[in-house]
C-alpha atoms as a PDB file:
ATOM      1  CA  MET A   1     208.089  73.795   5.032  1.00  0.00           C
ATOM      2  CA  HIS A   2     207.445  77.334   3.172  1.00  0.00           C
ATOM      3  CA  PRO A   3     205.860  76.686  -0.315  1.00  0.00           C
ATOM      4  CA  PHE A   4     208.349  78.808  -2.039  1.00  0.00           C
ATOM      5  CA  HIS A   5     211.286  77.056  -0.567  1.00  0.00           C
ATOM      6  CA  TYR A   6     209.625  73.698  -0.908  1.00  0.00           C
ATOM      7  CA  ALA A   7     209.593  74.822  -4.951  1.00  0.00           C
ATOM      8  CA  LYS A   8     212.816  75.419  -4.817  1.00  0.00           C
ATOM      9  CA  VAL A   9     213.730  72.062  -3.147  1.00  0.00           C
ATOM     10  CA  LEU A  10     211.483  70.163  -5.625  1.00  0.00           C
ATOM     11  CA  LYS A  11     213.079  71.703  -8.767  1.00  0.00           C
ATOM     12  CA  GLY A  12     216.825  70.989  -7.507  1.00  0.00           C
ATOM     13  CA  ALA A  13     215.687  67.608  -6.608  1.00  0.00           C
ATOM     14  CA  VAL A  14     213.582  67.114 -10.076  1.00  0.00           C
ATOM     15  CA  LYS A  15     217.104  68.542 -11.985  1.00  0.00           C
ATOM     16  CA  ARG A  16     218.895  66.291  -9.743  1.00  0.00           C
ATOM     17  CA  ASN A  17     217.165  63.393 -11.377  1.00  0.00           C
ATOM     18  CA  LEU A  18     217.342  64.085 -14.677  1.00  0.00           C
ATOM     19  CA  GLN A  19     221.086  64.627 -14.504  1.00  0.00           C
ATOM     20  CA  VAL A  20     221.445  61.218 -13.161  1.00  0.00           C
ATOM     21  CA  ASP A  21     219.125  59.740 -15.478  1.00  0.00           C
ATOM     22  CA  LEU A  22     221.660  61.225 -18.427  1.00  0.00           C
ATOM     23  CA  ASN A  23     224.446  59.188 -17.004  1.00  0.00           C
ATOM     24  CA  TYR A  24     222.345  55.976 -17.621  1.00  0.00           C
ATOM     25  CA  LYS A  25     222.240  55.920 -21.459  1.00  0.00           C
ATOM     26  CA  PHE A  26     221.941  52.297 -21.933  1.00  0.00           C
ATOM     27  CA  GLN A  27     218.621  52.429 -20.064  1.00  0.00           C
ATOM     28  CA  LEU A  28     217.463  55.344 -22.101  1.00  0.00           C
ATOM     29  CA  VAL A  29     218.299  53.264 -25.408  1.00  0.00           C
ATOM     30  CA  THR A  30     216.440  49.985 -24.119  1.00  0.00           C
ATOM     31  CA  ASP A  31     213.596  51.420 -22.746  1.00  0.00           C
ATOM     32  CA  VAL A  32     213.166  52.614 -26.441  1.00  0.00           C
ATOM     33  CA  ILE A  33     214.174  49.395 -28.025  1.00  0.00           C
ATOM     34  CA  ASP A  34     211.614  47.747 -25.848  1.00  0.00           C
ATOM     35  CA  MET A  35     208.765  50.365 -26.489  1.00  0.00           C
ATOM     36  CA  LEU A  36     209.463  49.830 -30.477  1.00  0.00           C
ATOM     37  CA  LEU A  37     209.336  45.695 -29.786  1.00  0.00           C
ATOM     38  CA  ILE A  38     205.905  45.993 -28.334  1.00  0.00           C
ATOM     39  CA  ILE A  39     204.619  48.415 -31.000  1.00  0.00           C
ATOM     40  CA  VAL A  40     205.978  45.666 -33.630  1.00  0.00           C
ATOM     41  CA  ALA A  41     204.334  42.862 -31.695  1.00  0.00           C
ATOM     42  CA  PHE A  42     200.759  44.551 -31.488  1.00  0.00           C
ATOM     43  CA  THR A  43     200.758  45.896 -34.701  1.00  0.00           C
ATOM     44  CA  VAL A  44     201.060  42.638 -36.064  1.00  0.00           C
ATOM     45  CA  LEU A  45     199.129  40.863 -33.724  1.00  0.00           C
ATOM     46  CA  GLY A  46     196.139  43.469 -34.251  1.00  0.00           C
ATOM     47  CA  ALA A  47     196.428  43.102 -37.982  1.00  0.00           C
ATOM     48  CA  PHE A  48     196.419  39.176 -37.627  1.00  0.00           C
ATOM     49  CA  VAL A  49     193.093  39.561 -35.597  1.00  0.00           C
ATOM     50  CA  ASP A  50     191.725  42.152 -37.841  1.00  0.00           C
ATOM     51  CA  ASP A  51     191.835  40.043 -41.005  1.00  0.00           C
ATOM     52  CA  ALA A  52     190.088  37.130 -39.011  1.00  0.00           C
ATOM     53  CA  ALA A  53     187.476  38.625 -37.260  1.00  0.00           C
ATOM     54  CA  ASP A  54     184.830  41.678 -36.884  1.00  0.00           C
ATOM     55  CA  PRO A  55     185.794  44.540 -34.549  1.00  0.00           C
ATOM     56  CA  GLY A  56     181.986  43.952 -33.394  1.00  0.00           C
ATOM     57  CA  GLU A  57     182.781  40.524 -31.873  1.00  0.00           C
ATOM     58  CA  LEU A  58     185.171  41.676 -29.910  1.00  0.00           C
ATOM     59  CA  GLY A  59     183.144  44.544 -28.252  1.00  0.00           C
ATOM     60  CA  ILE A  60     184.665  47.456 -29.700  1.00  0.00           C
ATOM     61  CA  ASP A  61     183.998  49.800 -32.487  1.00  0.00           C
ATOM     62  CA  TYR A  62     187.396  49.876 -34.289  1.00  0.00           C
ATOM     63  CA  GLY A  63     189.825  47.569 -35.048  1.00  0.00           C
ATOM     64  CA  LEU A  64     191.612  45.764 -32.698  1.00  0.00           C
ATOM     65  CA  GLN A  65     195.085  46.950 -33.801  1.00  0.00           C
ATOM     66  CA  GLY A  66     194.028  50.589 -32.975  1.00  0.00           C
ATOM     67  CA  PHE A  67     192.914  49.259 -29.616  1.00  0.00           C
ATOM     68  CA  LEU A  68     196.250  47.786 -28.795  1.00  0.00           C
ATOM     69  CA  LEU A  69     198.423  50.698 -30.198  1.00  0.00           C
ATOM     70  CA  MET A  70     196.408  53.414 -28.242  1.00  0.00           C
ATOM     71  CA  GLY A  71     196.906  51.320 -25.147  1.00  0.00           C
ATOM     72  CA  VAL A  72     200.913  51.010 -25.960  1.00  0.00           C
ATOM     73  CA  LEU A  73     200.542  55.177 -26.272  1.00  0.00           C
ATOM     74  CA  PHE A  74     198.600  55.530 -23.358  1.00  0.00           C
ATOM     75  CA  TRP A  75     200.846  53.059 -20.992  1.00  0.00           C
ATOM     76  CA  ALA A  76     204.222  54.719 -22.715  1.00  0.00           C
ATOM     77  CA  LEU A  77     203.774  58.046 -20.797  1.00  0.00           C
ATOM     78  CA  TYR A  78     203.343  56.572 -17.402  1.00  0.00           C
ATOM     79  CA  GLN A  79     204.601  52.777 -16.988  1.00  0.00           C
ATOM     80  CA  ARG A  80     208.362  54.265 -16.481  1.00  0.00           C
ATOM     81  CA  ALA A  81     207.702  57.079 -14.023  1.00  0.00           C
ATOM     82  CA  TYR A  82     205.663  54.522 -12.128  1.00  0.00           C
ATOM     83  CA  ASP A  83     208.628  52.146 -11.969  1.00  0.00           C
ATOM     84  CA  ASP A  84     210.919  54.689 -11.146  1.00  0.00           C
ATOM     85  CA  THR A  85     209.004  56.162  -8.504  1.00  0.00           C
ATOM     86  CA  VAL A  86     208.517  52.938  -6.661  1.00  0.00           C
ATOM     87  CA  ALA A  87     212.351  52.153  -6.875  1.00  0.00           C
ATOM     88  CA  ALA A  88     213.368  55.797  -5.803  1.00  0.00           C
ATOM     89  CA  LEU A  89     214.012  54.956  -2.279  1.00  0.00           C
ATOM     90  CA  PRO A  90     215.850  51.783  -2.224  1.00  0.00           C
ATOM     91  CA  GLU A  91     218.064  53.322  -4.962  1.00  0.00           C
ATOM     92  CA  GLU A  92     218.866  56.567  -2.906  1.00  0.00           C
ATOM     93  CA  ALA A  93     219.876  54.356  -0.304  1.00  0.00           C
ATOM     94  CA  SER A  94     221.923  52.022  -2.054  1.00  0.00           C
ATOM     95  CA  ARG A  95     224.054  54.935  -3.254  1.00  0.00           C
ATOM     96  CA  GLY A  96     224.135  55.807   0.280  1.00  0.00           C
ATOM     97  CA  THR A  97     222.828  59.204  -0.727  1.00  0.00           C
ATOM     98  CA  ILE A  98     219.390  59.227   1.304  1.00  0.00           C
ATOM     99  CA  GLY A  99     220.594  60.065   4.563  1.00  0.00           C
ATOM    100  CA  PHE A 100     222.397  63.028   3.306  1.00  0.00           C
ATOM    101  CA  LEU A 101     219.049  64.177   1.531  1.00  0.00           C
ATOM    102  CA  VAL A 102     217.007  63.979   4.216  1.00  0.00           C
ATOM    103  CA  THR A 103     219.268  66.029   6.574  1.00  0.00           C
ATOM    104  CA  ASN A 104     219.501  68.784   4.001  1.00  0.00           C
ATOM    105  CA  ASN A 105     215.360  69.247   4.104  1.00  0.00           C
ATOM    106  CA  VAL A 106     214.674  67.018   1.116  1.00  0.00           C
ATOM    107  CA  SER A 107     211.855  64.789   2.728  1.00  0.00           C
ATOM    108  CA  LEU A 108     210.759  61.203   1.646  1.00  0.00           C
ATOM    109  CA  SER A 109     207.679  62.750  -0.078  1.00  0.00           C
ATOM    110  CA  THR A 110     209.788  65.127  -2.067  1.00  0.00           C
ATOM    111  CA  LEU A 111     212.182  62.633  -3.179  1.00  0.00           C
ATOM    112  CA  LEU A 112     209.103  60.568  -4.666  1.00  0.00           C
ATOM    113  CA  LEU A 113     207.504  63.303  -6.080  1.00  0.00           C
ATOM    114  CA  ALA A 114     210.935  64.833  -7.979  1.00  0.00           C
ATOM    115  CA  ARG A 115     211.493  61.141  -9.221  1.00  0.00           C
ATOM    116  CA  ASN A 116     208.232  60.911 -10.713  1.00  0.00           C
ATOM    117  CA  ILE A 117     208.260  64.372 -12.054  1.00  0.00           C
ATOM    118  CA  ALA A 118     211.999  63.814 -13.995  1.00  0.00           C
ATOM    119  CA  SER A 119     210.545  60.483 -15.280  1.00  0.00           C
ATOM    120  CA  MET A 120     207.253  61.858 -16.844  1.00  0.00           C
ATOM    121  CA  VAL A 121     209.820  64.685 -18.263  1.00  0.00           C
ATOM    122  CA  LYS A 122     211.694  61.798 -19.585  1.00  0.00           C
ATOM    123  CA  THR A 123     208.899  59.552 -21.161  1.00  0.00           C
ATOM    124  CA  LEU A 124     207.161  62.635 -22.522  1.00  0.00           C
ATOM    125  CA  LEU A 125     209.884  63.609 -24.607  1.00  0.00           C
ATOM    126  CA  THR A 126     210.241  59.782 -25.775  1.00  0.00           C
ATOM    127  CA  THR A 127     206.661  59.415 -26.469  1.00  0.00           C
ATOM    128  CA  LEU A 128     206.335  62.900 -28.357  1.00  0.00           C
ATOM    129  CA  PHE A 129     209.640  62.531 -30.645  1.00  0.00           C
ATOM    130  CA  ILE A 130     209.627  58.568 -31.000  1.00  0.00           C
ATOM    131  CA  VAL A 131     206.476  56.649 -29.926  1.00  0.00           C
ATOM    132  CA  LEU A 132     203.929  59.081 -31.440  1.00  0.00           C
ATOM    133  CA  PRO A 133     206.020  59.551 -34.552  1.00  0.00           C
ATOM    134  CA  VAL A 134     206.348  55.566 -35.010  1.00  0.00           C
ATOM    135  CA  LEU A 135     203.082  54.899 -34.745  1.00  0.00           C
ATOM    136  CA  LEU A 136     202.171  57.612 -37.330  1.00  0.00           C
ATOM    137  CA  VAL A 137     204.641  55.998 -39.438  1.00  0.00           C
ATOM    138  CA  VAL A 138     202.862  52.662 -39.248  1.00  0.00           C
ATOM    139  CA  ASP A 139     199.122  53.965 -39.626  1.00  0.00           C
ATOM    140  CA  LEU A 140     200.230  55.826 -42.819  1.00  0.00           C
ATOM    141  CA  ALA A 141     201.826  52.752 -44.403  1.00  0.00           C
ATOM    142  CA  GLN A 142     198.660  51.209 -43.652  1.00  0.00           C
ATOM    143  CA  GLY A 143     196.760  53.409 -45.522  1.00  0.00           C
ATOM    144  CA  GLY A 144     195.711  55.324 -42.463  1.00  0.00           C
ATOM    145  CA  MET A 145     195.123  59.318 -42.647  1.00  0.00           C
ATOM    146  CA  PRO A 146     194.701  61.395 -39.471  1.00  0.00           C
ATOM    147  CA  GLY A 147     191.128  62.784 -38.782  1.00  0.00           C
ATOM    148  CA  GLN A 148     189.641  60.240 -41.548  1.00  0.00           C
ATOM    149  CA  ARG A 149     190.654  56.933 -41.172  1.00  0.00           C
ATOM    150  CA  GLY A 150     193.151  54.539 -39.359  1.00  0.00           C
ATOM    151  CA  LEU A 151     194.930  55.099 -36.300  1.00  0.00           C
ATOM    152  CA  PHE A 152     194.025  58.933 -35.514  1.00  0.00           C
ATOM    153  CA  ALA A 153     190.613  58.626 -37.615  1.00  0.00           C
ATOM    154  CA  GLY A 154     188.863  60.613 -34.859  1.00  0.00           C
ATOM    155  CA  PHE A 155     191.584  63.034 -34.188  1.00  0.00           C
ATOM    156  CA  GLY A 156     190.803  66.923 -34.556  1.00  0.00           C
ATOM    157  CA  LEU A 157     192.886  69.526 -33.338  1.00  0.00           C
ATOM    158  CA  GLY A 158     189.904  71.142 -31.280  1.00  0.00           C
ATOM    159  CA  ASP A 159     190.321  67.951 -29.467  1.00  0.00           C
ATOM    160  CA  LEU A 160     193.580  68.326 -28.422  1.00  0.00           C
ATOM    161  CA  PRO A 161     193.003  70.589 -25.192  1.00  0.00           C
ATOM    162  CA  LEU A 162     190.705  67.884 -23.619  1.00  0.00           C
ATOM    163  CA  ILE A 163     193.056  64.980 -24.397  1.00  0.00           C
ATOM    164  CA  VAL A 164     196.185  67.078 -22.663  1.00  0.00           C
ATOM    165  CA  GLY A 165     193.913  67.909 -19.722  1.00  0.00           C
ATOM    166  CA  VAL A 166     192.645  63.840 -19.411  1.00  0.00           C
ATOM    167  CA  PHE A 167     196.472  63.174 -19.489  1.00  0.00           C
ATOM    168  CA  LEU A 168     197.449  65.223 -16.730  1.00  0.00           C
ATOM    169  CA  LEU A 169     194.690  63.944 -14.842  1.00  0.00           C
ATOM    170  CA  ILE A 170     195.889  60.438 -15.409  1.00  0.00           C
ATOM    171  CA  TRP A 171     199.065  61.399 -14.574  1.00  0.00           C
ATOM    172  CA  VAL A 172     197.842  62.906 -11.236  1.00  0.00           C
ATOM    173  CA  PHE A 173     195.950  59.720 -10.523  1.00  0.00           C
ATOM    174  CA  MET A 174     199.087  57.218 -11.387  1.00  0.00           C
ATOM    175  CA  LEU A 175     201.145  59.760  -9.014  1.00  0.00           C
ATOM    176  CA  MET A 176     198.973  58.887  -6.286  1.00  0.00           C
ATOM    177  CA  VAL A 177     199.473  55.015  -7.253  1.00  0.00           C
ATOM    178  CA  SER A 178     202.992  55.434  -7.415  1.00  0.00           C
ATOM    179  CA  LEU A 179     203.249  57.160  -4.189  1.00  0.00           C
ATOM    180  CA  LEU A 180     200.773  54.759  -2.734  1.00  0.00           C
ATOM    181  CA  VAL A 181     202.859  51.548  -3.595  1.00  0.00           C
ATOM    182  CA  ALA A 182     206.214  53.320  -2.842  1.00  0.00           C
ATOM    183  CA  SER A 183     205.192  54.431   0.653  1.00  0.00           C
ATOM    184  CA  LEU A 184     205.710  50.715   1.256  1.00  0.00           C
ATOM    185  CA  ASN A 185     209.540  50.833   1.059  1.00  0.00           C
ATOM    186  CA  ILE A 186     209.379  52.998   4.269  1.00  0.00           C
ATOM    187  CA  VAL A 187     208.606  49.832   6.398  1.00  0.00           C
ATOM    188  CA  SER A 188     209.415  47.083   4.156  1.00  0.00           C
ATOM    189  CA  LYS A 189     212.354  45.637   2.094  1.00  0.00           C
ATOM    190  CA  ARG A 190     211.785  44.282  -2.125  1.00  0.00           C
ATOM    191  CA  ILE A 191     208.613  45.836  -2.739  1.00  0.00           C
ATOM    192  CA  THR A 192     209.334  45.170  -6.257  1.00  0.00           C
ATOM    193  CA  PRO A 193     207.312  41.908  -7.003  1.00  0.00           C
ATOM    194  CA  PHE A 194     203.873  43.693  -5.269  1.00  0.00           C
ATOM    195  CA  ALA A 195     204.682  46.717  -7.409  1.00  0.00           C
ATOM    196  CA  ASN A 196     204.462  44.627 -10.506  1.00  0.00           C
ATOM    197  CA  MET A 197     201.580  43.034  -9.802  1.00  0.00           C
ATOM    198  CA  VAL A 198     199.795  46.538  -9.009  1.00  0.00           C
ATOM    199  CA  VAL A 199     201.003  47.786 -12.701  1.00  0.00           C
ATOM    200  CA  THR A 200     200.003  44.411 -14.440  1.00  0.00           C
ATOM    201  CA  ALA A 201     196.813  44.482 -12.916  1.00  0.00           C
ATOM    202  CA  LEU A 202     195.845  48.208 -13.959  1.00  0.00           C
ATOM    203  CA  LYS A 203     197.283  47.296 -17.487  1.00  0.00           C
ATOM    204  CA  VAL A 204     194.759  44.186 -17.494  1.00  0.00           C
ATOM    205  CA  LEU A 205     191.703  46.059 -16.170  1.00  0.00           C
ATOM    206  CA  SER A 206     192.332  49.350 -18.360  1.00  0.00           C
ATOM    207  CA  GLY A 207     192.004  46.918 -21.566  1.00  0.00           C
ATOM    208  CA  TYR A 208     195.940  47.259 -22.009  1.00  0.00           C
ATOM    209  CA  TYR A 209     195.650  43.580 -23.637  1.00  0.00           C
ATOM    210  CA  PHE A 210     192.289  42.976 -24.419  1.00  0.00           C
ATOM    211  CA  PRO A 211     188.786  44.777 -24.567  1.00  0.00           C
ATOM    212  CA  ILE A 212     187.345  45.121 -20.471  1.00  0.00           C
ATOM    213  CA  GLU A 213     184.178  44.108 -21.924  1.00  0.00           C
ATOM    214  CA  ALA A 214     185.427  40.642 -22.355  1.00  0.00           C
ATOM    215  CA  LEU A 215     185.681  40.806 -18.217  1.00  0.00           C
ATOM    216  CA  ASP A 216     181.526  40.672 -18.263  1.00  0.00           C
ATOM    217  CA  GLY A 217     181.679  36.754 -19.737  1.00  0.00           C
ATOM    218  CA  TYR A 218     183.732  35.941 -16.534  1.00  0.00           C
ATOM    219  CA  LEU A 219     182.882  38.240 -13.471  1.00  0.00           C
ATOM    220  CA  GLY A 220     179.545  39.295 -14.379  1.00  0.00           C
ATOM    221  CA  THR A 221     177.282  41.560 -16.537  1.00  0.00           C
ATOM    222  CA  GLY A 222     178.132  45.291 -16.165  1.00  0.00           C
ATOM    223  CA  VAL A 223     181.762  44.496 -14.581  1.00  0.00           C
ATOM    224  CA  SER A 224     183.266  46.789 -17.786  1.00  0.00           C
ATOM    225  CA  ILE A 225     180.841  49.342 -16.960  1.00  0.00           C
ATOM    226  CA  TRP A 226     181.745  49.694 -13.233  1.00  0.00           C
ATOM    227  CA  LEU A 227     185.396  49.736 -14.076  1.00  0.00           C
ATOM    228  CA  LYS A 228     185.192  52.110 -16.441  1.00  0.00           C
ATOM    229  CA  THR A 229     183.271  54.723 -14.276  1.00  0.00           C
ATOM    230  CA  HIS A 230     185.007  54.019 -11.062  1.00  0.00           C
ATOM    231  CA  ILE A 231     188.774  53.355 -12.081  1.00  0.00           C
ATOM    232  CA  PRO A 232     190.348  56.789 -13.710  1.00  0.00           C
ATOM    233  CA  ILE A 233     193.121  55.215 -15.583  1.00  0.00           C
ATOM    234  CA  ILE A 234     190.497  53.007 -17.034  1.00  0.00           C
ATOM    235  CA  THR A 235     188.096  55.924 -17.691  1.00  0.00           C
ATOM    236  CA  GLY A 236     190.822  57.854 -19.387  1.00  0.00           C
ATOM    237  CA  LEU A 237     191.787  55.140 -21.762  1.00  0.00           C
ATOM    238  CA  VAL A 238     188.610  54.450 -22.659  1.00  0.00           C
ATOM    239  CA  PHE A 239     188.091  58.167 -23.643  1.00  0.00           C
ATOM    240  CA  LEU A 240     191.618  58.239 -25.571  1.00  0.00           C
ATOM    241  CA  ARG A 241     190.400  55.595 -27.950  1.00  0.00           C
ATOM    242  CA  ASP A 242     186.821  56.862 -28.205  1.00  0.00           C
ATOM    243  CA  MET A 243     188.432  60.276 -29.027  1.00  0.00           C
ATOM    244  CA  VAL A 244     190.837  59.332 -31.101  1.00  0.00           C
ATOM    245  CA  LEU A 245     189.864  56.103 -33.002  1.00  0.00           C
ATOM    246  CA  VAL A 246     186.083  56.508 -33.574  1.00  0.00           C
ATOM    247  CA  PRO A 247     185.661  58.957 -36.409  1.00  0.00           C
ATOM    248  CA  GLY A 248     182.935  61.695 -36.702  1.00  0.00           C
ATOM    249  CA  PRO A 249     181.586  64.279 -34.433  1.00  0.00           C
ATOM    250  CA  LYS A 250     182.271  64.408 -30.627  1.00  0.00           C
ATOM    251  CA  PRO A 251     179.756  64.364 -27.767  1.00  0.00           C
ATOM    252  CA  GLY A 252     179.071  67.863 -25.974  1.00  0.00           C
ATOM    253  CA  PHE A 253     181.109  68.899 -22.984  1.00  0.00           C
ATOM    254  CA  ASP A 254     178.196  67.915 -20.623  1.00  0.00           C
ATOM    255  CA  VAL A 255     178.383  64.382 -21.569  1.00  0.00           C
ATOM    256  CA  LEU A 256     182.089  64.241 -21.811  1.00  0.00           C
ATOM    257  CA  TRP A 257     181.679  65.388 -18.202  1.00  0.00           C
ATOM    258  CA  ALA A 258     179.179  62.891 -16.704  1.00  0.00           C
ATOM    259  CA  THR A 259     180.785  60.231 -18.633  1.00  0.00           C
ATOM    260  CA  TYR A 260     184.605  60.700 -18.073  1.00  0.00           C
ATOM    261  CA  LEU A 261     185.837  63.750 -16.117  1.00  0.00           C
ATOM    262  CA  GLU A 262     183.696  63.473 -13.380  1.00  0.00           C
ATOM    263  CA  PRO A 263     184.321  59.767 -12.375  1.00  0.00           C
ATOM    264  CA  MET A 264     188.034  60.376 -13.205  1.00  0.00           C
ATOM    265  CA  LEU A 265     187.901  63.487 -10.546  1.00  0.00           C
ATOM    266  CA  VAL A 266     186.070  61.177  -7.954  1.00  0.00           C
ATOM    267  CA  GLY A 267     188.775  58.453  -8.418  1.00  0.00           C
ATOM    268  CA  ILE A 268     191.648  60.648  -8.331  1.00  0.00           C
ATOM    269  CA  PHE A 269     190.270  62.427  -5.163  1.00  0.00           C
ATOM    270  CA  VAL A 270     189.824  58.951  -3.352  1.00  0.00           C
ATOM    271  CA  THR A 271     193.098  57.551  -4.422  1.00  0.00           C
ATOM    272  CA  GLY A 272     194.879  60.700  -3.278  1.00  0.00           C
ATOM    273  CA  VAL A 273     193.061  60.612   0.181  1.00  0.00           C
ATOM    274  CA  VAL A 274     194.383  56.840   0.720  1.00  0.00           C
ATOM    275  CA  ALA A 275     197.784  57.252  -0.584  1.00  0.00           C
ATOM    276  CA  GLY A 276     198.352  60.130   1.617  1.00  0.00           C
ATOM    277  CA  LEU A 277     196.954  58.561   4.807  1.00  0.00           C
ATOM    278  CA  LEU A 278     199.044  55.810   4.135  1.00  0.00           C
ATOM    279  CA  TYR A 279     202.046  57.638   3.309  1.00  0.00           C
ATOM    280  CA  LYS A 280     201.777  59.507   6.650  1.00  0.00           C
ATOM    281  CA  TYR A 281     200.736  56.538   8.651  1.00  0.00           C
ATOM    282  CA  LEU A 282     204.262  54.500   7.557  1.00  0.00           C
ATOM    283  CA  GLU A 283     206.063  57.518   7.884  1.00  0.00           C
ATOM    284  CA  ARG A 284     205.119  58.105  11.616  1.00  0.00           C
ATOM    285  CA  LYS A 285     205.893  54.376  12.102  1.00  0.00           C
ATOM    286  CA  ALA A 286     209.436  54.734  10.992  1.00  0.00           C
ATOM    287  CA  GLN A 287     210.013  57.797  13.064  1.00  0.00           C
ATOM    288  CA  SER A 288     208.708  55.530  16.247  1.00  0.00           C
ATOM    289  CA  TRP A 289     211.264  52.916  15.152  1.00  0.00           C
ATOM    290  CA  GLY A 290     213.980  55.576  14.528  1.00  0.00           C
ATOM    291  CA  THR A 291     215.035  54.569  11.131  1.00  0.00           C
ATOM    292  CA  LEU A 292     214.017  53.215   7.656  1.00  0.00           C
ATOM    293  CA  GLU A 293     213.982  49.382   7.515  1.00  0.00           C
ATOM    294  CA  PHE A 294     216.508  49.353   4.603  1.00  0.00           C
ATOM    295  CA  TYR A 295     218.813  51.924   5.924  1.00  0.00           C
END
């Protein structure tokens, strides 16, 4: 397919997904409420632990509350897009629209990519206009001051382009993971438990629930260092916390490149190759069988 025509088809598919999402206003509201409840829970938990323990004992250079809330902000951007992408093909099949779309030159990969982009647009707006302001209010209410102390103690406007760039890299990584898991729908039914297992594992390994340095005590010394330098989403979350939570001057670009950016790019490339090969293999299998199983 010509790139211009593909872009036009993709744009139409994204627009269609956004229009469908707007019809499910109850889901939009419950997603926001769920996120706010998580913020409340982690705010209370973090404050309780910070009052009872020194952050150094936890293996981090900042309070647990800031640690947890940065994880909430980070995953607020990516989990809904992941969940929606994994569910895209079964949902289209249940509506009876997938056959129509495929016969009108909307490939399965285009359906998945469009679903992911549409969900990212939705979650980006939710994060910018709801999650981020709520976190800022929580921080200010506890005596925080962006650029000086509290949840955004290390943030400076000069860091914004690099932070946005890292968020884009993590989106590409999560897109690859989403396509990898969603491609299993081509030949199998009910992969939701497996998809949930994958995202839970990524949350645990990325330090959503606790500092990953704690894993060294169970899996061996150096495990956390290996994870930080080989799994892009872990590297990205460590970068976000180091840039936003830790006050003071930041390392030079050479250090940032070697510590964060280069490992992320390598991990994204490897994940993309694996996702692409698996998708093409499963697509060929479905073609040889003459249909997708869940049709």
